[in-house]
Amino acid sequence: MPDSDVTHGLAMRTLKSYLAHRGPADAVEVTLRTFSLRAREDAVAAEIMQSRPHIVGFSRYVWNGTHLNGVVRKIRESAPSCPLLLAGGPDVAHDPARSVGRKGFDVVVLGEGEEAFRRIVEIALAGSSQFDSIPNIVYRKGDSEIVTTRPAPEAFEDISSHDFPLILDADDHRMFRYETSRGCHFRCRYCKWDRSGARKIRYYPIEKVKGDLERIFALPRLAVLELVDSTFFRPRDKARGLEIMETIHRLNAGREASGLAPVGVVTEQNHLFLDAETCATLSRLPLRNGGIALGLQTIDAEVNQKVLGRGFNRRTSLHRIAELSRDLGSRLAIDVIYGLPGEGYGGYRRSLAFVLTLRTAHIGMYHFLVLPGTHIADHAAQYGIRYETVSPHRLLSSSTWSREDLLEAAKLSFAVYLFYCEDVVPQLNPVRRVILDEVRGNSLPVFDDLVRYLQAEHRPLFSRWLRTFQDSMLDGLTDAYRFFVRTENGAVARRILSDAVAIAKAHAER
């Protein structure tokens, strides 16, 4: 059901704002609803249909696609007069016709959707369901005909003209996602950020950005602002990025002066663009721990350059990341991926071992997703890739990764999250302190021994955690956290802590 700690997606807010300022605003009432993925599909469908909507739109991503399919089926089963069902987002673009039909969506919007959404609403208000004139959509005409409209030569919104404010609604969410630009300068072959390969960044007017931030920071319960731009400090964008960060600093100072808690900031950055000035500016912000995320992914230069399509000088990059770790401390989070094509389990271990030498409190370890429509997915056969055909499209195996390798990588990653990453399970933080303060050199063997210990002494528990972790990283870690906070598990929890500390200390003495 609706969850006050789950924020509305930025796409939904943006579509509502566009429709209010560019569309038939007087004739349309738009309501945003956000549901937890843990909510039952029939309960979500019933909640949606209570207001008897004429149009229901969904933003579909790799993490919610399967759930949305179930919700749509329940809506169609329960509603004698079904509303027009729309979908957009990156997880429908690769095979939109598969999502459209009598049991699926009525219309799928490809690419950026503001103007397409406005025109769909306008046509629907006129009592029509003929959407042929709208480019870049796939829709169901009648009972069975699937129509793909003409592709527009330029499917991007001119966001420089979007000078109207973002509608915030009267919600009470603790997290807010916001973007000041769209697009990406890079062309990573595993990513769907900019499928056109245009390597072009478009910007919202800076005064609009400042105005939106003013109103966002006025939300009394807000705790976290996540900036979802691809990067801020490319040399040509640096002055603009610094201006935005200074605005955030000023607004946080205003919150504190009025008795409100400062808002923690989360943002992803590229290590190549973080110099002394940008680090100094970022350090003035109340960054949430791990608030500056670096997508390292792998330290293998050949995999980065020849497989992933990323410019990567190993010596320069690793040296710079080590410097940033010293300068930013607990503010820094570093992400690595297991399952990358061209890199096997041994390569992943080397990348993870390097990150552990930085002694950062926050490491993100992710199972590789083969996103349909990306270069990697289009050339899957070249790498012997097998992957899930439904969301979230996890890698199953490849020429360099067996299923067994992926399982071992998941075990190792789970152990690092559990015993090392700060406050994932706070009761286990003493293990982290021993590793940081007493273990010298490569600490990866500590986690190998911790995995062996959990398999030998707590196999049913560890197996349950691991199964959940493989299905959903967040759910697996949440399951472990809940185990350690329940008083009835106290004896087992204390034993795991004591044994894990002893294992870490044994490595410190070697």
Protein backbone atom coordinates (compact mmCIF):
# COMPACT_ATOMS: atom_id res chain seq x y z
CA MET A 1 0.00 0.00 0.00
CA PRO A 2 1.14 3.64 -0.17
CA ASP A 3 4.33 4.04 1.83
CA SER A 4 5.31 7.44 3.26
CA ASP A 5 8.98 6.53 3.02
CA VAL A 6 8.75 5.65 -0.69
CA THR A 7 9.11 8.75 -2.85
CA HIS A 8 7.09 9.48 -5.97
CA GLY A 9 9.16 8.81 -9.06
CA LEU A 10 10.60 11.91 -10.71
CA ALA A 11 9.03 10.88 -14.04
CA MET A 12 5.53 11.04 -12.55
CA ARG A 13 6.10 14.47 -11.02
CA THR A 14 7.53 15.75 -14.30
CA LEU A 15 4.59 14.48 -16.37
CA LYS A 16 2.07 16.03 -13.98
CA SER A 17 3.92 19.37 -14.04
CA TYR A 18 4.10 19.38 -17.84
CA LEU A 19 0.42 18.58 -18.19
CA ALA A 20 -0.52 21.31 -15.71
CA HIS A 21 1.45 23.97 -17.59
CA ARG A 22 1.21 22.83 -21.23
CA GLY A 23 -1.92 20.71 -21.34
CA PRO A 24 -5.67 20.89 -20.78
CA ALA A 25 -5.16 21.63 -17.08
CA ASP A 26 -8.73 22.73 -16.34
CA ALA A 27 -10.22 19.47 -17.59
CA VAL A 28 -7.80 17.06 -15.91
CA GLU A 29 -7.14 16.05 -12.32
CA VAL A 30 -3.86 14.15 -11.93
CA THR A 31 -3.19 12.15 -8.77
CA LEU A 32 0.18 10.58 -8.02
CA ARG A 33 0.28 7.29 -6.13
CA THR A 34 3.33 5.33 -5.06
CA PHE A 35 3.24 1.77 -3.74
CA SER A 36 5.75 -0.46 -2.04
CA LEU A 37 6.90 -3.46 -4.07
CA ARG A 38 5.87 -5.54 -1.06
CA ALA A 39 2.20 -4.59 -1.55
CA ARG A 40 -0.05 -7.29 -2.98
CA GLU A 41 -0.94 -6.83 -6.64
CA ASP A 42 -4.70 -7.13 -6.01
CA ALA A 43 -4.50 -4.57 -3.18
CA VAL A 44 -2.63 -2.09 -5.40
CA ALA A 45 -5.16 -2.57 -8.21
CA ALA A 46 -8.08 -2.04 -5.81
CA GLU A 47 -6.51 1.11 -4.37
CA ILE A 48 -5.97 2.54 -7.86
CA MET A 49 -9.52 1.77 -8.99
CA GLN A 50 -11.17 3.32 -5.90
CA SER A 51 -11.00 6.76 -7.51
CA ARG A 52 -12.50 5.44 -10.79
CA PRO A 53 -9.74 6.88 -13.02
CA HIS A 54 -10.13 7.40 -16.75
CA ILE A 55 -6.40 6.98 -17.44
CA VAL A 56 -3.78 5.13 -15.38
CA GLY A 57 -0.10 5.59 -16.22
CA PHE A 58 2.83 3.55 -14.91
CA SER A 59 6.59 4.19 -14.96
CA ARG A 60 8.20 0.83 -15.58
CA TYR A 61 11.76 -0.01 -14.56
CA VAL A 62 13.80 -3.19 -14.13
CA TRP A 63 12.89 -3.39 -10.45
CA ASN A 64 9.10 -3.10 -10.82
CA GLY A 65 8.27 -4.49 -14.27
CA THR A 66 7.10 -7.95 -13.19
CA HIS A 67 5.05 -6.47 -10.35
CA LEU A 68 3.38 -3.96 -12.70
CA ASN A 69 2.37 -6.73 -15.09
CA GLY A 70 0.51 -8.38 -12.24
CA VAL A 71 -1.16 -5.12 -11.18
CA VAL A 72 -2.37 -4.49 -14.75
CA ARG A 73 -3.83 -8.00 -14.97
CA LYS A 74 -5.68 -7.45 -11.69
CA ILE A 75 -7.08 -4.12 -12.92
CA ARG A 76 -8.37 -5.75 -16.10
CA GLU A 77 -9.88 -8.67 -14.15
CA SER A 78 -11.59 -6.49 -11.55
CA ALA A 79 -12.84 -3.50 -13.56
CA PRO A 80 -15.96 -3.92 -15.72
CA SER A 81 -15.00 -0.71 -17.51
CA CYS A 82 -11.23 -0.60 -17.65
CA PRO A 83 -9.43 2.76 -17.79
CA LEU A 84 -6.87 3.51 -20.50
CA LEU A 85 -3.64 1.92 -19.27
CA LEU A 86 -0.35 3.61 -20.25
CA ALA A 87 3.27 2.69 -19.61
CA GLY A 88 6.58 4.42 -20.14
CA GLY A 89 10.09 4.04 -18.85
CA PRO A 90 13.26 2.20 -19.86
CA ASP A 91 11.94 -1.32 -19.31
CA VAL A 92 9.26 -1.13 -22.02
CA ALA A 93 11.28 0.47 -24.80
CA HIS A 94 13.15 -2.65 -25.96
CA ASP A 95 10.04 -4.74 -26.78
CA PRO A 96 6.97 -2.49 -26.49
CA ALA A 97 4.65 -4.71 -28.57
CA ARG A 98 5.08 -7.45 -25.96
CA SER A 99 3.70 -5.10 -23.28
CA VAL A 100 0.64 -4.05 -25.30
CA GLY A 101 -2.46 -6.21 -25.64
CA ARG A 102 -5.75 -7.28 -24.11
CA LYS A 103 -3.99 -8.43 -20.93
CA GLY A 104 -1.37 -5.69 -20.90
CA PHE A 105 -1.14 -1.95 -21.48
CA ASP A 106 -3.17 -0.04 -24.03
CA VAL A 107 -0.38 2.40 -24.92
CA VAL A 108 3.40 2.32 -24.46
CA VAL A 109 5.37 5.55 -24.83
CA LEU A 110 8.92 5.25 -26.16
CA GLY A 111 11.56 7.70 -24.97
CA GLU A 112 10.81 10.93 -23.16
CA GLY A 113 7.10 11.21 -22.60
CA GLU A 114 5.94 14.71 -21.68
CA GLU A 115 4.54 15.78 -25.05
CA ALA A 116 3.32 12.28 -25.96
CA PHE A 117 1.46 12.06 -22.65
CA ARG A 118 -0.12 15.48 -23.17
CA ARG A 119 -1.37 14.49 -26.60
CA ILE A 120 -2.70 11.11 -25.42
CA VAL A 121 -4.70 12.89 -22.70
CA GLU A 122 -5.95 15.48 -25.18
CA ILE A 123 -7.17 12.81 -27.63
CA ALA A 124 -8.72 10.71 -24.86
CA LEU A 125 -10.59 13.78 -23.53
CA ALA A 126 -12.06 14.24 -27.00
CA GLY A 127 -13.50 10.72 -26.76
CA SER A 128 -11.12 9.12 -29.23
CA SER A 129 -8.66 6.25 -28.98
CA GLN A 130 -6.94 6.89 -32.31
CA PHE A 131 -3.36 7.83 -31.47
CA ASP A 132 -1.77 7.42 -34.92
CA SER A 133 -0.69 11.07 -35.07
CA ILE A 134 1.53 10.77 -31.97
CA PRO A 135 5.09 9.68 -32.82
CA ASN A 136 7.10 7.18 -30.80
CA ILE A 137 4.29 5.16 -29.26
CA VAL A 138 2.91 1.63 -29.59
CA TYR A 139 -0.79 1.14 -28.92
CA ARG A 140 -3.63 -1.33 -29.20
CA LYS A 141 -6.27 -0.43 -31.79
CA GLY A 142 -9.43 -2.43 -31.26
CA ASP A 143 -9.15 -5.91 -29.80
CA SER A 144 -6.05 -7.18 -31.49
CA GLU A 145 -4.31 -4.73 -33.85
CA ILE A 146 -1.00 -3.40 -32.50
CA VAL A 147 0.05 -0.09 -34.06
CA THR A 148 3.57 1.33 -33.96
CA THR A 149 3.51 4.99 -34.91
CA ARG A 150 6.19 6.77 -36.86
CA PRO A 151 9.53 7.37 -35.14
CA ALA A 152 10.30 11.03 -34.60
CA PRO A 153 13.74 12.09 -35.84
CA GLU A 154 14.39 13.77 -32.48
CA ALA A 155 12.65 12.08 -29.56
CA PHE A 156 14.04 14.41 -26.92
CA GLU A 157 12.21 17.10 -25.02
CA ASP A 158 13.52 20.64 -25.28
CA ILE A 159 13.87 20.97 -21.53
CA SER A 160 15.57 24.35 -21.86
CA SER A 161 12.05 25.70 -22.46
CA HIS A 162 10.62 23.95 -19.37
CA ASP A 163 10.70 27.07 -17.23
CA PHE A 164 7.65 26.13 -15.15
CA PRO A 165 8.03 24.81 -11.58
CA LEU A 166 7.97 21.14 -10.67
CA ILE A 167 4.75 20.27 -8.84
CA LEU A 168 5.54 18.85 -5.41
CA ASP A 169 2.04 17.95 -4.17
CA ALA A 170 1.31 17.86 -0.46
CA ASP A 171 3.13 14.58 0.12
CA ASP A 172 5.16 13.87 3.21
CA HIS A 173 7.95 11.75 1.77
CA ARG A 174 11.37 11.69 3.40
CA MET A 175 13.31 11.30 0.13
CA PHE A 176 13.12 13.42 -3.01
CA ARG A 177 14.73 12.67 -6.38
CA TYR A 178 15.55 15.56 -8.67
CA GLU A 179 17.43 16.19 -11.91
CA THR A 180 18.88 19.44 -13.19
CA SER A 181 19.79 18.05 -16.62
CA ARG A 182 19.17 15.06 -18.89
CA GLY A 183 21.45 12.90 -20.96
CA CYS A 184 24.95 11.57 -20.49
CA HIS A 185 28.34 12.47 -21.90
CA PHE A 186 29.48 8.85 -21.86
CA ARG A 187 28.55 5.85 -23.99
CA CYS A 188 28.86 2.83 -21.69
CA ARG A 189 27.78 -0.29 -23.50
CA TYR A 190 25.87 -1.81 -20.59
CA CYS A 191 23.83 1.32 -19.80
CA LYS A 192 20.49 2.63 -21.11
CA TRP A 193 20.92 6.19 -19.91
CA ASP A 194 21.21 7.54 -23.45
CA ARG A 195 20.31 4.83 -25.95
CA SER A 196 20.76 7.18 -28.91
CA GLY A 197 24.48 7.45 -28.24
CA ALA A 198 24.19 11.21 -28.72
CA ARG A 199 26.51 11.94 -25.78
CA LYS A 200 24.54 15.12 -25.28
CA ILE A 201 23.51 16.76 -22.02
CA ARG A 202 20.50 19.08 -21.95
CA TYR A 203 19.85 21.51 -19.14
CA TYR A 204 16.85 22.87 -17.31
CA PRO A 205 16.96 26.68 -16.90
CA ILE A 206 19.09 27.45 -13.86
CA GLU A 207 16.45 29.74 -12.36
CA LYS A 208 13.88 26.94 -12.57
CA VAL A 209 16.34 24.62 -10.82
CA LYS A 210 16.92 27.11 -8.03
CA GLY A 211 13.20 27.72 -7.63
CA ASP A 212 12.44 23.99 -7.48
CA LEU A 213 15.17 23.48 -4.89
CA GLU A 214 13.77 26.33 -2.76
CA ARG A 215 10.40 24.58 -2.56
CA ILE A 216 11.89 21.11 -2.12
CA PHE A 217 13.98 22.26 0.84
CA ALA A 218 10.87 23.78 2.41
CA LEU A 219 9.36 20.29 2.84
CA PRO A 220 9.55 19.89 6.63
CA ARG A 221 9.98 16.10 6.80
CA LEU A 222 12.49 15.86 3.96
CA ALA A 223 15.65 13.97 4.98
CA VAL A 224 17.38 13.07 1.70
CA LEU A 225 17.73 14.75 -1.71
CA GLU A 226 19.00 12.42 -4.42
CA LEU A 227 20.35 14.21 -7.48
CA VAL A 228 20.04 11.83 -10.43
CA ASP A 229 22.01 13.74 -13.08
CA SER A 230 24.63 11.64 -14.86
CA THR A 231 27.36 14.04 -13.71
CA PHE A 232 27.76 17.64 -12.55
CA PHE A 233 31.36 18.69 -12.96
CA ARG A 234 32.38 18.05 -16.53
CA PRO A 235 34.79 20.93 -17.31
CA ARG A 236 32.19 22.79 -19.40
CA ASP A 237 29.53 22.23 -16.69
CA LYS A 238 31.69 22.87 -13.65
CA ALA A 239 30.56 26.45 -12.94
CA ARG A 240 26.91 25.43 -13.21
CA GLY A 241 27.45 22.41 -10.96
CA LEU A 242 29.20 24.51 -8.33
CA GLU A 243 26.38 27.08 -8.44
CA ILE A 244 23.80 24.35 -7.80
CA MET A 245 25.81 22.90 -4.91
CA GLU A 246 26.21 26.35 -3.36
CA THR A 247 22.44 26.82 -3.65
CA ILE A 248 21.90 23.57 -1.78
CA HIS A 249 24.38 24.66 0.91
CA ARG A 250 22.53 27.97 1.35
CA LEU A 251 19.14 26.28 1.55
CA ASN A 252 20.37 23.80 4.14
CA ALA A 253 21.73 26.68 6.22
CA GLY A 254 18.28 28.24 6.03
CA ARG A 255 16.66 25.02 7.25
CA GLU A 256 18.96 24.84 10.23
CA ALA A 257 18.32 28.49 11.08
CA SER A 258 14.59 27.78 11.14
CA GLY A 259 14.96 24.72 13.34
CA LEU A 260 14.64 22.05 10.63
CA ALA A 261 17.14 19.23 10.20
CA PRO A 262 19.51 19.61 7.23
CA VAL A 263 18.82 17.52 4.15
CA GLY A 264 21.36 14.86 3.29
CA VAL A 265 22.52 14.86 -0.33
CA VAL A 266 23.16 11.79 -2.51
CA THR A 267 24.75 12.13 -5.93
CA GLU A 268 26.73 10.04 -8.42
CA GLN A 269 29.93 11.57 -9.74
CA ASN A 270 32.77 10.67 -12.09
CA HIS A 271 36.18 10.57 -10.43
CA LEU A 272 37.76 12.27 -13.45
CA PHE A 273 35.76 15.45 -12.81
CA LEU A 274 36.29 15.82 -9.05
CA ASP A 275 39.10 18.27 -8.37
CA ALA A 276 40.11 20.13 -5.20
CA GLU A 277 37.50 22.86 -5.72
CA THR A 278 34.59 20.51 -6.35
CA CYS A 279 35.58 18.27 -3.42
CA ALA A 280 35.78 21.30 -1.13
CA THR A 281 32.32 22.42 -2.23
CA LEU A 282 30.83 18.94 -1.81
CA SER A 283 32.43 18.59 1.61
CA ARG A 284 30.47 21.63 2.83
CA LEU A 285 27.20 19.82 2.17
CA PRO A 286 25.60 17.53 4.75
CA LEU A 287 26.26 14.55 2.53
CA ARG A 288 24.53 11.40 3.60
CA ASN A 289 27.15 8.76 4.43
CA GLY A 290 28.21 7.36 1.10
CA GLY A 291 26.48 10.31 -0.53
CA ILE A 292 29.02 10.63 -3.34
CA ALA A 293 28.87 7.43 -5.40
CA LEU A 294 31.59 6.49 -7.88
CA GLY A 295 30.74 3.82 -10.45
CA LEU A 296 34.12 2.08 -10.62
CA GLN A 297 32.53 -1.27 -11.70
CA THR A 298 35.91 -2.95 -12.36
CA ILE A 299 39.62 -2.12 -12.20
CA ASP A 300 40.33 -4.19 -15.33
CA ALA A 301 41.42 -1.70 -18.00
CA GLU A 302 40.86 -4.09 -20.92
CA VAL A 303 37.31 -4.95 -19.81
CA ASN A 304 36.55 -1.27 -19.30
CA GLN A 305 37.89 -0.20 -22.67
CA LYS A 306 37.17 -3.10 -25.02
CA VAL A 307 33.99 -4.57 -23.53
CA LEU A 308 32.23 -1.82 -21.60
CA GLY A 309 33.24 1.07 -23.87
CA ARG A 310 34.57 3.21 -21.03
CA GLY A 311 37.69 5.31 -21.16
CA PHE A 312 39.85 4.03 -18.30
CA ASN A 313 43.50 4.57 -17.49
CA ARG A 314 44.09 2.12 -14.67
CA ARG A 315 47.03 3.85 -13.04
CA THR A 316 45.54 7.36 -13.19
CA SER A 317 42.04 6.27 -12.20
CA LEU A 318 43.05 4.13 -9.22
CA HIS A 319 45.40 6.81 -7.94
CA ARG A 320 42.67 9.46 -8.20
CA ILE A 321 40.08 7.25 -6.51
CA ALA A 322 42.53 6.58 -3.66
CA GLU A 323 43.01 10.35 -3.26
CA LEU A 324 39.25 10.92 -3.20
CA SER A 325 38.86 8.23 -0.57
CA ARG A 326 41.31 10.07 1.66
CA ASP A 327 39.72 13.47 0.99
CA LEU A 328 36.06 12.49 1.28
CA GLY A 329 36.20 9.64 3.78
CA SER A 330 32.81 8.23 4.77
CA ARG A 331 31.10 10.51 2.25
CA LEU A 332 32.35 8.29 -0.56
CA ALA A 333 30.70 5.11 -1.85
CA ILE A 334 32.31 2.95 -4.54
CA ASP A 335 30.34 0.57 -6.74
CA VAL A 336 31.60 -2.65 -8.35
CA ILE A 337 29.73 -5.24 -10.44
CA TYR A 338 30.05 -9.01 -10.54
CA GLY A 339 29.17 -10.81 -13.77
CA LEU A 340 30.70 -8.31 -16.20
CA PRO A 341 31.41 -9.88 -19.63
CA GLY A 342 35.08 -10.46 -20.26
CA GLU A 343 35.86 -10.52 -16.54
CA GLY A 344 35.58 -13.67 -14.44
CA TYR A 345 35.25 -14.27 -10.71
CA GLY A 346 38.99 -13.73 -10.21
CA GLY A 347 38.76 -10.29 -11.81
CA TYR A 348 35.85 -9.35 -9.58
CA ARG A 349 37.84 -10.41 -6.52
CA ARG A 350 40.71 -8.17 -7.60
CA SER A 351 38.36 -5.20 -8.01
CA LEU A 352 36.75 -5.81 -4.63
CA ALA A 353 40.15 -6.27 -2.98
CA PHE A 354 41.25 -2.88 -4.33
CA VAL A 355 38.12 -1.16 -3.01
CA LEU A 356 38.67 -2.73 0.42
CA THR A 357 42.18 -1.24 0.55
CA LEU A 358 40.58 2.21 0.40
CA ARG A 359 38.91 1.50 3.74
CA THR A 360 35.76 3.30 2.68
CA ALA A 361 32.67 2.62 4.77
CA HIS A 362 30.36 2.19 1.79
CA ILE A 363 30.74 -0.30 -1.04
CA GLY A 364 28.03 -1.18 -3.53
CA MET A 365 28.31 -4.70 -5.02
CA TYR A 366 25.81 -5.50 -7.76
CA HIS A 367 24.87 -8.47 -9.92
CA PHE A 368 25.29 -7.55 -13.59
CA LEU A 369 22.03 -6.76 -15.38
CA VAL A 370 21.88 -7.36 -19.12
CA LEU A 371 19.53 -4.54 -20.05
CA PRO A 372 17.69 -5.20 -23.33
CA GLY A 373 18.44 -2.57 -25.94
CA THR A 374 22.01 -1.97 -24.78
CA HIS A 375 25.08 -2.83 -26.84
CA ILE A 376 25.93 -5.71 -24.49
CA ALA A 377 22.46 -7.23 -24.82
CA ASP A 378 22.48 -6.81 -28.60
CA HIS A 379 25.84 -8.66 -28.74
CA ALA A 380 25.06 -11.23 -26.03
CA ALA A 381 26.09 -14.16 -28.24
CA GLN A 382 29.56 -12.68 -28.63
CA TYR A 383 30.11 -13.06 -24.89
CA GLY A 384 28.17 -16.29 -24.46
CA ILE A 385 25.67 -14.42 -22.32
CA ARG A 386 22.48 -15.99 -20.98
CA TYR A 387 20.20 -13.76 -18.95
CA GLU A 388 16.70 -13.49 -17.56
CA THR A 389 14.15 -12.58 -20.22
CA VAL A 390 11.99 -10.78 -17.65
CA SER A 391 12.90 -7.97 -15.28
CA PRO A 392 15.40 -7.37 -13.81
CA HIS A 393 17.35 -9.26 -16.54
CA ARG A 394 20.11 -10.63 -14.31
CA LEU A 395 23.03 -12.43 -15.92
CA LEU A 396 22.64 -16.23 -15.64
CA SER A 397 25.98 -17.21 -17.17
CA SER A 398 28.48 -16.19 -19.82
CA SER A 399 31.71 -17.39 -21.40
CA THR A 400 33.62 -16.00 -18.38
CA TRP A 401 31.01 -16.52 -15.64
CA SER A 402 29.45 -19.84 -14.67
CA ARG A 403 26.38 -20.07 -12.43
CA GLU A 404 28.68 -21.36 -9.68
CA ASP A 405 30.96 -18.33 -10.07
CA LEU A 406 27.99 -15.98 -9.74
CA LEU A 407 26.88 -17.78 -6.60
CA GLU A 408 30.37 -17.48 -5.07
CA ALA A 409 30.46 -13.77 -5.94
CA ALA A 410 27.04 -13.30 -4.31
CA LYS A 411 28.23 -15.07 -1.12
CA LEU A 412 31.36 -12.95 -0.93
CA SER A 413 29.45 -9.72 -1.62
CA PHE A 414 26.84 -10.54 1.01
CA ALA A 415 29.57 -11.16 3.59
CA VAL A 416 31.17 -7.79 2.82
CA TYR A 417 27.82 -6.03 3.17
CA LEU A 418 27.08 -7.86 6.41
CA PHE A 419 30.39 -7.55 8.23
CA TYR A 420 32.03 -4.50 6.66
CA CYS A 421 29.67 -1.93 5.16
CA GLU A 422 28.82 0.55 7.88
CA ASP A 423 25.41 0.27 9.52
CA VAL A 424 23.96 -2.32 7.13
CA VAL A 425 23.69 -4.42 10.30
CA PRO A 426 24.88 -2.08 13.09
CA GLN A 427 25.16 -4.96 15.56
CA LEU A 428 28.06 -6.30 13.46
CA ASN A 429 30.01 -3.02 13.24
CA PRO A 430 32.62 -4.35 15.75
CA VAL A 431 33.78 -6.80 13.06
CA ARG A 432 34.35 -3.87 10.70
CA ARG A 433 36.38 -2.07 13.35
CA VAL A 434 38.72 -5.04 13.80
CA ILE A 435 39.21 -5.32 10.03
CA LEU A 436 39.95 -1.61 9.70
CA ASP A 437 42.13 -1.23 12.79
CA GLU A 438 44.00 -4.52 12.96
CA VAL A 439 44.04 -6.37 9.61
CA ARG A 440 46.88 -5.30 7.35
CA GLY A 441 47.12 -5.81 3.60
CA ASN A 442 44.51 -7.67 1.61
CA SER A 443 41.41 -8.19 3.78
CA LEU A 444 39.51 -10.30 1.22
CA PRO A 445 40.58 -13.61 2.86
CA VAL A 446 38.76 -12.49 6.02
CA PHE A 447 35.50 -12.51 4.12
CA ASP A 448 36.30 -15.88 2.52
CA ASP A 449 36.61 -17.30 6.03
CA LEU A 450 33.43 -15.57 7.16
CA VAL A 451 31.54 -17.17 4.24
CA ARG A 452 32.95 -20.59 5.18
CA TYR A 453 31.95 -20.00 8.79
CA LEU A 454 28.35 -19.08 7.93
CA GLN A 455 28.05 -22.09 5.62
CA ALA A 456 29.41 -24.47 8.26
CA GLU A 457 27.75 -23.13 11.40
CA HIS A 458 24.59 -21.38 10.23
CA ARG A 459 23.81 -22.99 6.87
CA PRO A 460 19.97 -22.77 6.95
CA LEU A 461 20.07 -19.12 8.01
CA PHE A 462 22.80 -18.17 5.54
CA SER A 463 21.05 -20.05 2.72
CA ARG A 464 17.84 -18.14 3.41
CA TRP A 465 19.59 -14.80 3.46
CA LEU A 466 21.48 -15.62 0.27
CA ARG A 467 18.37 -16.74 -1.64
CA THR A 468 16.63 -13.51 -0.73
CA PHE A 469 19.76 -11.47 -1.53
CA GLN A 470 20.01 -13.01 -4.99
CA ASP A 471 16.37 -12.16 -5.72
CA SER A 472 16.64 -8.65 -4.26
CA MET A 473 19.79 -7.22 -2.70
CA LEU A 474 17.78 -4.86 -0.48
CA ASP A 475 15.41 -7.59 0.71
CA GLY A 476 18.31 -9.91 1.56
CA LEU A 477 20.09 -7.27 3.63
CA THR A 478 16.81 -6.25 5.27
CA ASP A 479 16.17 -9.87 6.22
CA ALA A 480 19.57 -10.08 7.90
CA TYR A 481 19.07 -6.75 9.69
CA ARG A 482 15.69 -7.84 11.06
CA PHE A 483 17.18 -11.07 12.34
CA PHE A 484 19.78 -9.22 14.40
CA VAL A 485 17.34 -6.74 15.95
CA ARG A 486 14.82 -9.34 17.12
CA THR A 487 15.33 -10.11 20.79
CA GLU A 488 14.37 -13.78 20.36
CA ASN A 489 17.43 -14.21 18.11
CA GLY A 490 19.80 -12.68 20.66
CA ALA A 491 21.78 -15.80 21.54
CA VAL A 492 22.49 -16.72 17.91
CA ALA A 493 23.21 -13.08 16.98
CA ARG A 494 25.73 -12.74 19.83
CA ARG A 495 27.42 -15.97 18.79
CA ILE A 496 27.75 -14.82 15.17
CA LEU A 497 29.23 -11.51 16.33
CA SER A 498 31.68 -13.18 18.72
CA ASP A 499 32.82 -15.76 16.18
CA ALA A 500 33.16 -13.18 13.39
CA VAL A 501 35.29 -10.91 15.57
CA ALA A 502 37.49 -13.91 16.43
CA ILE A 503 37.89 -14.76 12.73
CA ALA A 504 38.89 -11.18 11.91
CA LYS A 505 41.35 -11.07 14.84
CA ALA A 506 42.93 -14.33 13.70
CA HIS A 507 43.76 -12.66 10.37
CA ALA A 508 45.14 -9.61 12.21
CA GLU A 509 47.66 -11.82 13.99
CA ARG A 510 49.02 -13.41 10.81
